[in-house]
Amino acid sequence: MDFPLLAELTQASGPPGAEERVRDIVRTHLGQACDHVDDLSMGCVDGVRGAQGESAGRLMLAAHMDEIGLMITHVDDRGYAKFIPLGGWDARTLVGQRVLVHGREDLVGIVGSTPVHLLDEASRSKAPKMEDLTIDLGLPGDRAQELVGKGDVATRVRDLAQVGQLVSGKALDDRVGVYVMLQAMHQAGPSRMEVHATATAQEEVGLRGARTAAHRIAPDIAVAIDTCPADDGPGTPASGPSTRLGEGAAIRVMDASAIGHRGLVDLLIALAEERDIPHQLHVSNKGGTDTASLQMSGQGSIAGCISIPTRYVHTAVEACRPDDVDAAVALTVALIEQAHRLLEAS
C-alpha cells in the first residue's frame, strides 16, 4: 500500500460541497492514468480512459471525495462558533476533537466540553447532542466574527497513523475508496470498455454528485468503491456471518440503499477466485453508497459495489487493513480488464 498517498488523501479537508482540496489531489493522479480528465457539475471529477479496440460499452467507477463535516451557523460574542452537521455524526465522537475551520483563513478550533468537575451527577450520564456543542476558536469574539461567518465549513484534524496491522485516521470513508480507484487506474491493463474513474461529491448528504455524474456518463456498468462497516470491532459478535478485517475485499450484495446486480456480483466473485484475490461478501440492511444513485440515474445501469471493511466508521479513528485495501485494488483492476464479459454474457 502507498501510505504517503493515502495519508495525503485522508488528511486533506473536504466536507460535502467543499471538496476542492481533495479534488486537486485526485485530478493530478487521474491525469497521470487517464487519456483526459473532465470537471463535472456539483464538483465531481472524471478521468476517462478509452477502450482498447472497438468499445464494448462504458464502465464507471465511483468513489466519493467528501467526508462528514460541519457548517457554521453563527459565531457569538465570546468567539464560540455554533454549527450544524454535514452527514451522519455521532456527537460523542466529536467532543474533545480539533477541527479545521475554513473561514477567511484556515483556523484550528477545539470542540470542547464542560469539565467533569463542573458537572452534576445527572449531566455526567447524559450523551452529548450536536446542538449543545461549540467550536472554541481561541480568539476574542470580534476577531473570531471577522474571520469566520455563516456557511463556513469545518472538518476534523487527524493524521493517518499505522496502528499494529491497521492504518487509522479520519476520512478513510471514503478516501480509501478514492485511493483504490486511483491505484487501479494506474495498474490496470487494456480494457475493452471505455473506463470512467469518477471522484464524486456530496455522497455523505444524499449520494448527490454520483447521480448527476452517472446521468452524464450513462454507464452500462457502474461500480461504487466505498468502505463498509467491519463487524469485528468492540461490541460486535465474535462469530457468525459478518464482514471482517483481514479477509479481503468485500463484494456488496445488499445494503439499505441498493441490491447489487446479481450478474455483476457473480463476475466479481469469479474474478476474485480466478486471480486468488482474498474476498468476502457484505450483506446488510443498513448503510448505503453511491451504488443507489448509479443504479437509478437516467435509464439505469448494471450496478454494484466493491468495499473496504473498516472499523469505527464516521469517527476520527477509522481503521482498515492495508492487505484488504490491496485486495480491493486488485479486484478493481480485474474488473477494469474483464468487465466486458458481463455484457457479452447478457
Foldseek 3Di string as FASTA:
>chain_A
DPVVLLQCLFQDAAAFQRLVSNVVSLLVLLVVQAPDKDQDPSGKIKGKHAADPAALFEEEEEAASHFKWWFWAAADQAGKTATDIQFDAQVQQQEQFWKWWPWQHTAIWHFYDDDPVPDDPVVVPDRDDSRVIITRRVDGRVVSRVGHGGGIMMDTHWGWDDDPQKIWFGPVFPSLQSVLLSLLSNPADGASHIYMYMHFGSFRRPLPRLLRVCLVRVGQEYEYEGADEFQCDPPHDPDDDTHHAPQAKEWEQDELQDGAQPLVSVVLVVLCVVVVQRYYYHYYHHDDGNQNSQQPHDVGHRYTYIHFHWHPPNHGTIMHGPSNSVSSSSSSSSCRHPVSVSVVVD
